[in-house]
PDB file of all heavy atoms in Angstrom:
ATOM      1  N   THR A   1    -243.943-155.076-127.484  1.00  0.00           N
ATOM      2  CA  THR A   1    -243.741-155.521-128.854  1.00  0.00           C
ATOM      3  C   THR A   1    -244.000-157.020-128.970  1.00  0.00           C
ATOM      4  O   THR A   1    -243.738-157.773-128.044  1.00  0.00           O
ATOM      5  CB  THR A   1    -242.299-155.209-129.304  1.00  0.00           C
ATOM      6  OG1 THR A   1    -242.047-153.823-129.120  1.00  0.00           O
ATOM      7  CG2 THR A   1    -242.096-155.554-130.775  1.00  0.00           C
ATOM      8  N   ASP A   2    -244.525-157.437-130.116  1.00  0.00           N
ATOM      9  CA  ASP A   2    -244.750-158.857-130.369  1.00  0.00           C
ATOM     10  C   ASP A   2    -243.398-159.525-130.604  1.00  0.00           C
ATOM     11  O   ASP A   2    -242.805-159.397-131.677  1.00  0.00           O
ATOM     12  CB  ASP A   2    -245.659-159.023-131.587  1.00  0.00           C
ATOM     13  CG  ASP A   2    -246.009-160.480-131.842  1.00  0.00           C
ATOM     14  OD1 ASP A   2    -245.829-161.305-130.929  1.00  0.00           O
ATOM     15  OD2 ASP A   2    -246.451-160.790-132.969  1.00  0.00           O
ATOM     16  N   CYS A   3    -242.898-160.228-129.590  1.00  0.00           N
ATOM     17  CA  CYS A   3    -241.545-160.776-129.626  1.00  0.00           C
ATOM     18  C   CYS A   3    -241.543-162.266-129.324  1.00  0.00           C
ATOM     19  O   CYS A   3    -242.457-162.795-128.697  1.00  0.00           O
ATOM     20  CB  CYS A   3    -240.653-160.091-128.585  1.00  0.00           C
ATOM     21  SG  CYS A   3    -240.270-158.383-128.948  1.00  0.00           S
ATOM     22  N   VAL A   4    -240.489-162.921-129.787  1.00  0.00           N
ATOM     23  CA  VAL A   4    -240.149-164.254-129.308  1.00  0.00           C
ATOM     24  C   VAL A   4    -239.223-164.060-128.106  1.00  0.00           C
ATOM     25  O   VAL A   4    -238.172-163.428-128.232  1.00  0.00           O
ATOM     26  CB  VAL A   4    -239.441-165.077-130.391  1.00  0.00           C
ATOM     27  CG1 VAL A   4    -239.052-166.449-129.840  1.00  0.00           C
ATOM     28  CG2 VAL A   4    -240.319-165.219-131.620  1.00  0.00           C
ATOM     29  N   VAL A   5    -239.627-164.566-126.947  1.00  0.00           N
ATOM     30  CA  VAL A   5    -238.854-164.391-125.714  1.00  0.00           C
ATOM     31  C   VAL A   5    -238.482-165.763-125.175  1.00  0.00           C
ATOM     32  O   VAL A   5    -239.335-166.650-125.076  1.00  0.00           O
ATOM     33  CB  VAL A   5    -239.660-163.616-124.650  1.00  0.00           C
ATOM     34  CG1 VAL A   5    -238.841-163.446-123.378  1.00  0.00           C
ATOM     35  CG2 VAL A   5    -240.086-162.257-125.199  1.00  0.00           C
ATOM     36  N   ARG A   6    -237.208-165.943-124.857  1.00  0.00           N
ATOM     37  CA  ARG A   6    -236.748-167.231-124.351  1.00  0.00           C
ATOM     38  C   ARG A   6    -235.794-167.049-123.177  1.00  0.00           C
ATOM     39  O   ARG A   6    -235.057-166.067-123.107  1.00  0.00           O
ATOM     40  CB  ARG A   6    -236.028-168.028-125.452  1.00  0.00           C
ATOM     41  CG  ARG A   6    -236.928-168.516-126.570  1.00  0.00           C
ATOM     42  CD  ARG A   6    -237.881-169.589-126.065  1.00  0.00           C
ATOM     43  NE  ARG A   6    -238.715-170.125-127.136  1.00  0.00           N
ATOM     44  CZ  ARG A   6    -239.906-169.648-127.450  1.00  0.00           C
ATOM     45  NH1 ARG A   6    -240.401-168.594-126.795  1.00  0.00           N
ATOM     46  NH2 ARG A   6    -240.609-170.204-128.418  1.00  0.00           N
ATOM     47  N   GLU A   7    -235.833-168.008-122.255  1.00  0.00           N
ATOM     48  CA  GLU A   7    -234.847-168.153-121.196  1.00  0.00           C
ATOM     49  C   GLU A   7    -234.378-169.601-121.192  1.00  0.00           C
ATOM     50  O   GLU A   7    -235.016-170.482-121.795  1.00  0.00           O
ATOM     51  CB  GLU A   7    -235.437-167.811-119.827  1.00  0.00           C
ATOM     52  CG  GLU A   7    -235.819-166.374-119.631  1.00  0.00           C
ATOM     53  CD  GLU A   7    -236.260-166.107-118.199  1.00  0.00           C
ATOM     54  OE1 GLU A   7    -235.487-166.420-117.270  1.00  0.00           O
ATOM     55  OE2 GLU A   7    -237.374-165.602-118.018  1.00  0.00           O
ATOM     56  N   LEU A   8    -233.292-169.867-120.500  1.00  0.00           N
ATOM     57  CA  LEU A   8    -232.782-171.231-120.350  1.00  0.00           C
ATOM     58  C   LEU A   8    -232.452-171.473-118.890  1.00  0.00           C
ATOM     59  O   LEU A   8    -231.956-170.571-118.202  1.00  0.00           O
ATOM     60  CB  LEU A   8    -231.546-171.446-121.219  1.00  0.00           C
ATOM     61  CG  LEU A   8    -230.893-172.833-121.171  1.00  0.00           C
ATOM     62  CD1 LEU A   8    -230.354-173.206-122.538  1.00  0.00           C
ATOM     63  CD2 LEU A   8    -229.744-172.862-120.143  1.00  0.00           C
ATOM     64  N   VAL A   9    -232.727-172.682-118.422  1.00  0.00           N
ATOM     65  CA  VAL A   9    -232.366-173.065-117.057  1.00  0.00           C
ATOM     66  C   VAL A   9    -231.723-174.449-117.079  1.00  0.00           C
ATOM     67  O   VAL A   9    -232.145-175.328-117.844  1.00  0.00           O
ATOM     68  CB  VAL A   9    -233.595-173.052-116.118  1.00  0.00           C
ATOM     69  CG1 VAL A   9    -234.611-174.098-116.513  1.00  0.00           C
ATOM     70  CG2 VAL A   9    -233.168-173.239-114.662  1.00  0.00           C
ATOM     71  N   LEU A  10    -230.667-174.609-116.311  1.00  0.00           N
ATOM     72  CA  LEU A  10    -230.080-175.908-116.019  1.00  0.00           C
ATOM     73  C   LEU A  10    -230.328-176.184-114.546  1.00  0.00           C
ATOM     74  O   LEU A  10    -230.004-175.351-113.697  1.00  0.00           O
ATOM     75  CB  LEU A  10    -228.577-175.915-116.297  1.00  0.00           C
ATOM     76  CG  LEU A  10    -228.134-175.752-117.752  1.00  0.00           C
ATOM     77  CD1 LEU A  10    -226.620-175.627-117.829  1.00  0.00           C
ATOM     78  CD2 LEU A  10    -228.614-176.930-118.599  1.00  0.00           C
ATOM     79  N   VAL A  11    -230.922-177.338-114.243  1.00  0.00           N
ATOM     80  CA  VAL A  11    -231.301-177.615-112.862  1.00  0.00           C
ATOM     81  C   VAL A  11    -230.991-179.074-112.526  1.00  0.00           C
ATOM     82  O   VAL A  11    -231.322-179.983-113.295  1.00  0.00           O
ATOM     83  CB  VAL A  11    -232.789-177.279-112.613  1.00  0.00           C
ATOM     84  CG1 VAL A  11    -233.695-177.990-113.600  1.00  0.00           C
ATOM     85  CG2 VAL A  11    -233.196-177.597-111.188  1.00  0.00           C
ATOM     86  N   ARG A  12    -230.324-179.281-111.398  1.00  0.00           N
ATOM     87  CA  ARG A  12    -230.048-180.630-110.908  1.00  0.00           C
ATOM     88  C   ARG A  12    -231.133-181.019-109.913  1.00  0.00           C
ATOM     89  O   ARG A  12    -231.325-180.353-108.897  1.00  0.00           O
ATOM     90  CB  ARG A  12    -228.675-180.710-110.250  1.00  0.00           C
ATOM     91  CG  ARG A  12    -228.312-182.140-109.784  1.00  0.00           C
ATOM     92  CD  ARG A  12    -227.009-182.209-109.020  1.00  0.00           C
ATOM     93  NE  ARG A  12    -225.904-181.729-109.818  1.00  0.00           N
ATOM     94  CZ  ARG A  12    -225.206-180.616-109.558  1.00  0.00           C
ATOM     95  NH1 ARG A  12    -225.525-179.867-108.507  1.00  0.00           N
ATOM     96  NH2 ARG A  12    -224.215-180.259-110.332  1.00  0.00           N
ATOM     97  N   VAL A  13    -231.839-182.094-110.223  1.00  0.00           N
ATOM     98  CA  VAL A  13    -232.990-182.532-109.436  1.00  0.00           C
ATOM     99  C   VAL A  13    -232.702-183.914-108.855  1.00  0.00           C
ATOM    100  O   VAL A  13    -232.209-184.808-109.554  1.00  0.00           O
ATOM    101  CB  VAL A  13    -234.268-182.591-110.302  1.00  0.00           C
ATOM    102  CG1 VAL A  13    -235.475-183.005-109.462  1.00  0.00           C
ATOM    103  CG2 VAL A  13    -234.518-181.243-110.971  1.00  0.00           C
ATOM    104  N   ARG A  14    -233.013-184.092-107.583  1.00  0.00           N
ATOM    105  CA  ARG A  14    -232.837-185.400-106.948  1.00  0.00           C
ATOM    106  C   ARG A  14    -233.776-186.418-107.590  1.00  0.00           C
ATOM    107  O   ARG A  14    -234.945-186.114-107.836  1.00  0.00           O
ATOM    108  CB  ARG A  14    -233.125-185.297-105.456  1.00  0.00           C
ATOM    109  CG  ARG A  14    -232.173-184.378-104.709  1.00  0.00           C
ATOM    110  CD  ARG A  14    -232.637-184.150-103.292  1.00  0.00           C
ATOM    111  NE  ARG A  14    -231.988-182.965-102.714  1.00  0.00           N
ATOM    112  CZ  ARG A  14    -232.400-182.354-101.623  1.00  0.00           C
ATOM    113  NH1 ARG A  14    -233.480-182.806-100.983  1.00  0.00           N
ATOM    114  NH2 ARG A  14    -231.756-181.291-101.159  1.00  0.00           N
ATOM    115  N   ALA A  15    -233.235-187.624-107.830  1.00  0.00           N
ATOM    116  CA  ALA A  15    -234.020-188.639-108.533  1.00  0.00           C
ATOM    117  C   ALA A  15    -233.775-190.012-107.916  1.00  0.00           C
ATOM    118  O   ALA A  15    -233.015-190.831-108.446  1.00  0.00           O
ATOM    119  CB  ALA A  15    -233.662-188.648-110.016  1.00  0.00           C
ATOM    120  N   PRO A  16    -234.394-190.314-106.775  1.00  0.00           N
ATOM    121  CA  PRO A  16    -234.279-191.656-106.193  1.00  0.00           C
ATOM    122  C   PRO A  16    -234.933-192.692-107.102  1.00  0.00           C
ATOM    123  O   PRO A  16    -235.770-192.360-107.953  1.00  0.00           O
ATOM    124  CB  PRO A  16    -235.022-191.528-104.860  1.00  0.00           C
ATOM    125  CG  PRO A  16    -235.944-190.365-105.041  1.00  0.00           C
ATOM    126  CD  PRO A  16    -235.253-189.423-105.976  1.00  0.00           C
ATOM    127  N   ASP A  17    -234.543-193.940-106.943  1.00  0.00           N
ATOM    128  CA  ASP A  17    -234.986-195.008-107.848  1.00  0.00           C
ATOM    129  C   ASP A  17    -236.498-195.081-107.981  1.00  0.00           C
ATOM    130  O   ASP A  17    -237.033-195.296-109.074  1.00  0.00           O
ATOM    131  CB  ASP A  17    -234.449-196.355-107.348  1.00  0.00           C
ATOM    132  CG  ASP A  17    -232.946-196.493-107.570  1.00  0.00           C
ATOM    133  OD1 ASP A  17    -232.422-195.740-108.419  1.00  0.00           O
ATOM    134  OD2 ASP A  17    -232.312-197.315-106.888  1.00  0.00           O
ATOM    135  N   ASP A  18    -237.208-194.932-106.878  1.00  0.00           N
ATOM    136  CA  ASP A  18    -238.658-195.109-106.924  1.00  0.00           C
ATOM    137  C   ASP A  18    -239.404-193.939-107.554  1.00  0.00           C
ATOM    138  O   ASP A  18    -240.619-194.022-107.771  1.00  0.00           O
ATOM    139  CB  ASP A  18    -239.200-195.363-105.512  1.00  0.00           C
ATOM    140  CG  ASP A  18    -238.894-194.201-104.563  1.00  0.00           C
ATOM    141  OD1 ASP A  18    -237.902-193.480-104.805  1.00  0.00           O
ATOM    142  OD2 ASP A  18    -239.652-194.018-103.589  1.00  0.00           O
ATOM    143  N   LYS A  19    -238.688-192.845-107.866  1.00  0.00           N
ATOM    144  CA  LYS A  19    -239.360-191.669-108.440  1.00  0.00           C
ATOM    145  C   LYS A  19    -238.812-191.275-109.810  1.00  0.00           C
ATOM    146  O   LYS A  19    -239.298-190.323-110.409  1.00  0.00           O
ATOM    147  CB  LYS A  19    -239.230-190.471-107.488  1.00  0.00           C
ATOM    148  CG  LYS A  19    -239.938-190.666-106.151  1.00  0.00           C
ATOM    149  CD  LYS A  19    -239.835-189.419-105.297  1.00  0.00           C
ATOM    150  CE  LYS A  19    -240.571-189.597-103.970  1.00  0.00           C
ATOM    151  NZ  LYS A  19    -240.468-188.389-103.115  1.00  0.00           N
ATOM    152  N   ARG A  20    -237.825-191.995-110.314  1.00  0.00           N
ATOM    153  CA  ARG A  20    -237.181-191.591-111.564  1.00  0.00           C
ATOM    154  C   ARG A  20    -238.143-191.613-112.745  1.00  0.00           C
ATOM    155  O   ARG A  20    -238.159-190.696-113.573  1.00  0.00           O
ATOM    156  CB  ARG A  20    -235.966-192.480-111.845  1.00  0.00           C
ATOM    157  CG  ARG A  20    -234.845-192.283-110.843  1.00  0.00           C
ATOM    158  CD  ARG A  20    -233.731-193.289-111.053  1.00  0.00           C
ATOM    159  NE  ARG A  20    -232.803-192.907-112.105  1.00  0.00           N
ATOM    160  CZ  ARG A  20    -231.738-192.132-111.909  1.00  0.00           C
ATOM    161  NH1 ARG A  20    -231.489-191.629-110.703  1.00  0.00           N
ATOM    162  NH2 ARG A  20    -230.929-191.852-112.891  1.00  0.00           N
ATOM    163  N   GLY A  21    -238.946-192.652-112.839  1.00  0.00           N
ATOM    164  CA  GLY A  21    -239.886-192.740-113.952  1.00  0.00           C
ATOM    165  C   GLY A  21    -240.911-191.618-113.939  1.00  0.00           C
ATOM    166  O   GLY A  21    -241.200-191.005-114.969  1.00  0.00           O
ATOM    167  N   THR A  22    -241.465-191.342-112.756  1.00  0.00           N
ATOM    168  CA  THR A  22    -242.451-190.259-112.636  1.00  0.00           C
ATOM    169  C   THR A  22    -241.831-188.907-112.952  1.00  0.00           C
ATOM    170  O   THR A  22    -242.443-188.077-113.643  1.00  0.00           O
ATOM    171  CB  THR A  22    -243.035-190.241-111.209  1.00  0.00           C
ATOM    172  OG1 THR A  22    -243.590-191.513-110.902  1.00  0.00           O
ATOM    173  CG2 THR A  22    -244.122-189.182-111.097  1.00  0.00           C
ATOM    174  N   LEU A  23    -240.609-188.688-112.480  1.00  0.00           N
ATOM    175  CA  LEU A  23    -239.932-187.423-112.749  1.00  0.00           C
ATOM    176  C   LEU A  23    -239.697-187.228-114.244  1.00  0.00           C
ATOM    177  O   LEU A  23    -239.940-186.137-114.787  1.00  0.00           O
ATOM    178  CB  LEU A  23    -238.597-187.386-111.996  1.00  0.00           C
ATOM    179  CG  LEU A  23    -237.676-186.188-112.265  1.00  0.00           C
ATOM    180  CD1 LEU A  23    -238.389-184.883-111.942  1.00  0.00           C
ATOM    181  CD2 LEU A  23    -236.397-186.323-111.448  1.00  0.00           C
ATOM    182  N   LEU A  24    -239.265-188.260-114.939  1.00  0.00           N
ATOM    183  CA  LEU A  24    -239.025-188.152-116.380  1.00  0.00           C
ATOM    184  C   LEU A  24    -240.324-187.896-117.138  1.00  0.00           C
ATOM    185  O   LEU A  24    -240.348-187.126-118.109  1.00  0.00           O
ATOM    186  CB  LEU A  24    -238.350-189.418-116.906  1.00  0.00           C
ATOM    187  CG  LEU A  24    -236.900-189.634-116.468  1.00  0.00           C
ATOM    188  CD1 LEU A  24    -236.406-190.988-116.945  1.00  0.00           C
ATOM    189  CD2 LEU A  24    -236.010-188.511-117.004  1.00  0.00           C
ATOM    190  N   ASN A  25    -241.413-188.508-116.719  1.00  0.00           N
ATOM    191  CA  ASN A  25    -242.704-188.285-117.366  1.00  0.00           C
ATOM    192  C   ASN A  25    -243.158-186.844-117.200  1.00  0.00           C
ATOM    193  O   ASN A  25    -243.681-186.231-118.140  1.00  0.00           O
ATOM    194  CB  ASN A  25    -243.755-189.237-116.803  1.00  0.00           C
ATOM    195  CG  ASN A  25    -243.549-190.669-117.243  1.00  0.00           C
ATOM    196  OD1 ASN A  25    -242.928-190.920-118.278  1.00  0.00           O
ATOM    197  ND2 ASN A  25    -244.061-191.622-116.465  1.00  0.00           N
ATOM    198  N   GLU A  26    -242.989-186.304-116.014  1.00  0.00           N
ATOM    199  CA  GLU A  26    -243.395-184.917-115.783  1.00  0.00           C
ATOM    200  C   GLU A  26    -242.480-183.951-116.529  1.00  0.00           C
ATOM    201  O   GLU A  26    -242.940-182.925-117.047  1.00  0.00           O
ATOM    202  CB  GLU A  26    -243.396-184.623-114.282  1.00  0.00           C
ATOM    203  CG  GLU A  26    -244.475-185.379-113.520  1.00  0.00           C
ATOM    204  CD  GLU A  26    -244.575-184.943-112.073  1.00  0.00           C
ATOM    205  OE1 GLU A  26    -243.563-184.467-111.521  1.00  0.00           O
ATOM    206  OE2 GLU A  26    -245.672-185.083-111.495  1.00  0.00           O
ATOM    207  N   ALA A  27    -241.190-184.279-116.602  1.00  0.00           N
ATOM    208  CA  ALA A  27    -240.265-183.417-117.343  1.00  0.00           C
ATOM    209  C   ALA A  27    -240.609-183.405-118.827  1.00  0.00           C
ATOM    210  O   ALA A  27    -240.450-182.380-119.507  1.00  0.00           O
ATOM    211  CB  ALA A  27    -238.829-183.891-117.131  1.00  0.00           C
ATOM    212  N   GLU A  28    -241.096-184.523-119.357  1.00  0.00           N
ATOM    213  CA  GLU A  28    -241.447-184.607-120.774  1.00  0.00           C
ATOM    214  C   GLU A  28    -242.566-183.634-121.129  1.00  0.00           C
ATOM    215  O   GLU A  28    -242.613-183.104-122.249  1.00  0.00           O
ATOM    216  CB  GLU A  28    -241.868-186.040-121.108  1.00  0.00           C
ATOM    217  CG  GLU A  28    -242.290-186.261-122.550  1.00  0.00           C
ATOM    218  CD  GLU A  28    -241.162-186.037-123.537  1.00  0.00           C
ATOM    219  OE1 GLU A  28    -239.980-186.163-123.133  1.00  0.00           O
ATOM    220  OE2 GLU A  28    -241.464-185.715-124.702  1.00  0.00           O
ATOM    221  N   ILE A  29    -243.466-183.380-120.188  1.00  0.00           N
ATOM    222  CA  ILE A  29    -244.558-182.431-120.428  1.00  0.00           C
ATOM    223  C   ILE A  29    -244.002-181.051-120.788  1.00  0.00           C
ATOM    224  O   ILE A  29    -244.558-180.333-121.622  1.00  0.00           O
ATOM    225  CB  ILE A  29    -245.467-182.340-119.183  1.00  0.00           C
ATOM    226  CG1 ILE A  29    -246.134-183.691-118.917  1.00  0.00           C
ATOM    227  CG2 ILE A  29    -246.515-181.232-119.353  1.00  0.00           C
ATOM    228  CD1 ILE A  29    -246.906-183.725-117.613  1.00  0.00           C
ATOM    229  N   PHE A  30    -242.885-180.675-120.172  1.00  0.00           N
ATOM    230  CA  PHE A  30    -242.270-179.366-120.419  1.00  0.00           C
ATOM    231  C   PHE A  30    -241.173-179.435-121.487  1.00  0.00           C
ATOM    232  O   PHE A  30    -240.487-178.453-121.720  1.00  0.00           O
ATOM    233  CB  PHE A  30    -241.648-178.842-119.114  1.00  0.00           C
ATOM    234  CG  PHE A  30    -242.649-178.562-118.033  1.00  0.00           C
ATOM    235  CD1 PHE A  30    -243.015-179.551-117.134  1.00  0.00           C
ATOM    236  CD2 PHE A  30    -243.240-177.310-117.928  1.00  0.00           C
ATOM    237  CE1 PHE A  30    -243.933-179.293-116.124  1.00  0.00           C
ATOM    238  CE2 PHE A  30    -244.162-177.042-116.930  1.00  0.00           C
ATOM    239  CZ  PHE A  30    -244.516-178.042-116.022  1.00  0.00           C
ATOM    240  N   ARG A  31    -241.043-180.593-122.113  1.00  0.00           N
ATOM    241  CA  ARG A  31    -239.995-180.822-123.116  1.00  0.00           C
ATOM    242  C   ARG A  31    -238.606-180.538-122.535  1.00  0.00           C
ATOM    243  O   ARG A  31    -237.721-180.000-123.213  1.00  0.00           O
ATOM    244  CB  ARG A  31    -240.232-179.968-124.368  1.00  0.00           C
ATOM    245  CG  ARG A  31    -241.523-180.329-125.086  1.00  0.00           C
ATOM    246  CD  ARG A  31    -241.698-179.560-126.377  1.00  0.00           C
ATOM    247  NE  ARG A  31    -242.934-179.932-127.056  1.00  0.00           N
ATOM    248  CZ  ARG A  31    -243.352-179.407-128.208  1.00  0.00           C
ATOM    249  NH1 ARG A  31    -242.609-178.478-128.806  1.00  0.00           N
ATOM    250  NH2 ARG A  31    -244.470-179.790-128.759  1.00  0.00           N
TER     251      ARG A  31
END
């Protein structure tokens, strides 16, 4: 059937200082 299908995930991701900016940029791609 033509449906709207959704899931939700909560995930804790390691974020050292030197990678925080890159991680946030990549997360923004997935909103």
